[in-house]
Amino acid sequence: MLQRAGVPLLAGFALAAVLMPLVFSGSSLFTWTTAAAWVLFATATSVLFGWTGLLSFGQAAFFGMGAYTMALLNQEMPDLPGVAMLVVAAVVAAVVAAL
């Protein structure tokens, strides 16, 4: 039951992420994108350490990989929206994690 209730919430967050570049620009968009990255990291840490009691710094390595990817994308493709960079960085980190 709780899984079905989370689907509209997740869809709302995804829609908000897609619409963010249309609503915000410049430093506001950068701030929201940075906040989203830190929220994802805090959520992962909360699940890993808070709920399971496992202290692991492995997710920090993948967070760093995503941050490095975002920095490279920002340098090479500065016109790419921050939310798109966040998605690409998450995919790169997931691919590295799968290896």
C-alpha atoms as a PDB file:
ATOM      1  CA  MET A   1       0.000   0.000   0.000  1.00  0.00           C
ATOM      2  CA  LEU A   2       2.787   2.416   0.838  1.00  0.00           C
ATOM      3  CA  GLN A   3       4.503   1.671  -2.461  1.00  0.00           C
ATOM      4  CA  ARG A   4       1.477   2.796  -4.433  1.00  0.00           C
ATOM      5  CA  ALA A   5       1.205   5.980  -2.392  1.00  0.00           C
ATOM      6  CA  GLY A   6       4.823   6.866  -3.222  1.00  0.00           C
ATOM      7  CA  VAL A   7       4.340   6.749  -7.005  1.00  0.00           C
ATOM      8  CA  PRO A   8       2.422  10.061  -7.307  1.00  0.00           C
ATOM      9  CA  LEU A   9       4.923  11.697  -4.981  1.00  0.00           C
ATOM     10  CA  LEU A  10       7.838  10.479  -7.092  1.00  0.00           C
ATOM     11  CA  ALA A  11       6.056  11.624 -10.264  1.00  0.00           C
ATOM     12  CA  GLY A  12       5.536  15.050  -8.694  1.00  0.00           C
ATOM     13  CA  PHE A  13       9.226  15.353  -7.845  1.00  0.00           C
ATOM     14  CA  ALA A  14      10.186  14.279 -11.373  1.00  0.00           C
ATOM     15  CA  LEU A  15       7.814  16.848 -12.880  1.00  0.00           C
ATOM     16  CA  ALA A  16       9.201  19.549 -10.593  1.00  0.00           C
ATOM     17  CA  ALA A  17      12.747  18.646 -11.644  1.00  0.00           C
ATOM     18  CA  VAL A  18      11.816  18.917 -15.316  1.00  0.00           C
ATOM     19  CA  LEU A  19      10.054  22.263 -14.841  1.00  0.00           C
ATOM     20  CA  MET A  20      12.768  23.828 -12.659  1.00  0.00           C
ATOM     21  CA  PRO A  21      14.787  25.272 -15.573  1.00  0.00           C
ATOM     22  CA  LEU A  22      11.629  26.969 -16.840  1.00  0.00           C
ATOM     23  CA  VAL A  23      10.903  28.610 -13.487  1.00  0.00           C
ATOM     24  CA  PHE A  24      14.388  29.395 -12.168  1.00  0.00           C
ATOM     25  CA  SER A  25      17.502  30.665 -13.896  1.00  0.00           C
ATOM     26  CA  GLY A  26      21.090  31.501 -13.080  1.00  0.00           C
ATOM     27  CA  SER A  27      22.143  31.259  -9.475  1.00  0.00           C
ATOM     28  CA  SER A  28      18.694  30.168  -8.262  1.00  0.00           C
ATOM     29  CA  LEU A  29      18.777  27.130 -10.534  1.00  0.00           C
ATOM     30  CA  PHE A  30      22.338  26.346  -9.404  1.00  0.00           C
ATOM     31  CA  THR A  31      21.281  26.596  -5.761  1.00  0.00           C
ATOM     32  CA  TRP A  32      18.290  24.282  -6.231  1.00  0.00           C
ATOM     33  CA  THR A  33      20.355  21.782  -8.215  1.00  0.00           C
ATOM     34  CA  THR A  34      23.060  21.756  -5.551  1.00  0.00           C
ATOM     35  CA  ALA A  35      20.439  21.339  -2.839  1.00  0.00           C
ATOM     36  CA  ALA A  36      18.921  18.401  -4.744  1.00  0.00           C
ATOM     37  CA  ALA A  37      22.320  16.701  -4.913  1.00  0.00           C
ATOM     38  CA  TRP A  38      22.869  17.116  -1.169  1.00  0.00           C
ATOM     39  CA  VAL A  39      19.349  15.873  -0.419  1.00  0.00           C
ATOM     40  CA  LEU A  40      20.022  12.723  -2.433  1.00  0.00           C
ATOM     41  CA  PHE A  41      23.295  12.172  -0.562  1.00  0.00           C
ATOM     42  CA  ALA A  42      21.650  12.767   2.820  1.00  0.00           C
ATOM     43  CA  THR A  43      18.825  10.379   1.960  1.00  0.00           C
ATOM     44  CA  ALA A  44      21.272   7.653   0.952  1.00  0.00           C
ATOM     45  CA  THR A  45      23.249   8.158   4.153  1.00  0.00           C
ATOM     46  CA  SER A  46      20.065   8.088   6.221  1.00  0.00           C
ATOM     47  CA  VAL A  47      18.902   4.842   4.651  1.00  0.00           C
ATOM     48  CA  LEU A  48      22.305   3.207   4.940  1.00  0.00           C
ATOM     49  CA  PHE A  49      23.293   4.292   8.429  1.00  0.00           C
ATOM     50  CA  GLY A  50      20.045   5.353  10.080  1.00  0.00           C
ATOM     51  CA  TRP A  51      17.792   2.492   9.065  1.00  0.00           C
ATOM     52  CA  THR A  52      20.268  -0.364   8.719  1.00  0.00           C
ATOM     53  CA  GLY A  53      23.021   0.710  11.098  1.00  0.00           C
ATOM     54  CA  LEU A  54      25.710   0.109   8.467  1.00  0.00           C
ATOM     55  CA  LEU A  55      28.470   2.695   8.426  1.00  0.00           C
ATOM     56  CA  SER A  56      29.819   2.812   4.884  1.00  0.00           C
ATOM     57  CA  PHE A  57      31.674   5.461   2.961  1.00  0.00           C
ATOM     58  CA  GLY A  58      31.121   3.716  -0.367  1.00  0.00           C
ATOM     59  CA  GLN A  59      28.237   5.994  -1.303  1.00  0.00           C
ATOM     60  CA  ALA A  60      30.524   8.985  -0.744  1.00  0.00           C
ATOM     61  CA  ALA A  61      32.778   7.708  -3.538  1.00  0.00           C
ATOM     62  CA  PHE A  62      29.838   7.550  -5.931  1.00  0.00           C
ATOM     63  CA  PHE A  63      28.658  10.968  -4.763  1.00  0.00           C
ATOM     64  CA  GLY A  64      32.148  12.253  -5.566  1.00  0.00           C
ATOM     65  CA  MET A  65      32.015  10.579  -8.978  1.00  0.00           C
ATOM     66  CA  GLY A  66      28.720  12.321  -9.670  1.00  0.00           C
ATOM     67  CA  ALA A  67      30.084  15.662  -8.471  1.00  0.00           C
ATOM     68  CA  TYR A  68      33.153  15.261 -10.680  1.00  0.00           C
ATOM     69  CA  THR A  69      30.922  14.404 -13.648  1.00  0.00           C
ATOM     70  CA  MET A  70      28.778  17.488 -13.000  1.00  0.00           C
ATOM     71  CA  ALA A  71      31.906  19.659 -12.837  1.00  0.00           C
ATOM     72  CA  LEU A  72      33.164  18.282 -16.151  1.00  0.00           C
ATOM     73  CA  LEU A  73      29.770  18.741 -17.790  1.00  0.00           C
ATOM     74  CA  ASN A  74      29.552  22.284 -16.465  1.00  0.00           C
ATOM     75  CA  GLN A  75      32.974  23.061 -17.902  1.00  0.00           C
ATOM     76  CA  GLU A  76      32.452  21.387 -21.295  1.00  0.00           C
ATOM     77  CA  MET A  77      28.729  22.097 -21.801  1.00  0.00           C
ATOM     78  CA  PRO A  78      27.800  25.156 -19.722  1.00  0.00           C
ATOM     79  CA  ASP A  79      24.465  25.607 -21.536  1.00  0.00           C
ATOM     80  CA  LEU A  80      23.191  22.210 -20.384  1.00  0.00           C
ATOM     81  CA  PRO A  81      20.542  22.636 -17.646  1.00  0.00           C
ATOM     82  CA  GLY A  82      21.648  21.719 -14.140  1.00  0.00           C
ATOM     83  CA  VAL A  83      18.902  19.132 -13.736  1.00  0.00           C
ATOM     84  CA  ALA A  84      20.102  17.367 -16.892  1.00  0.00           C
ATOM     85  CA  MET A  85      23.651  17.419 -15.510  1.00  0.00           C
ATOM     86  CA  LEU A  86      22.362  15.887 -12.285  1.00  0.00           C
ATOM     87  CA  VAL A  87      20.664  13.071 -14.191  1.00  0.00           C
ATOM     88  CA  VAL A  88      23.775  12.381 -16.297  1.00  0.00           C
ATOM     89  CA  ALA A  89      25.966  12.444 -13.175  1.00  0.00           C
ATOM     90  CA  ALA A  90      23.650   9.969 -11.433  1.00  0.00           C
ATOM     91  CA  VAL A  91      23.751   7.645 -14.435  1.00  0.00           C
ATOM     92  CA  VAL A  92      27.565   7.801 -14.594  1.00  0.00           C
ATOM     93  CA  ALA A  93      27.835   7.068 -10.871  1.00  0.00           C
ATOM     94  CA  ALA A  94      25.368   4.172 -11.237  1.00  0.00           C
ATOM     95  CA  VAL A  95      27.358   2.700 -14.125  1.00  0.00           C
ATOM     96  CA  VAL A  96      30.589   2.958 -12.118  1.00  0.00           C
ATOM     97  CA  ALA A  97      28.823   1.355  -9.142  1.00  0.00           C
ATOM     98  CA  ALA A  98      27.612  -1.511 -11.321  1.00  0.00           C
ATOM     99  CA  LEU A  99      31.151  -2.246 -12.454  1.00  0.00           C
END
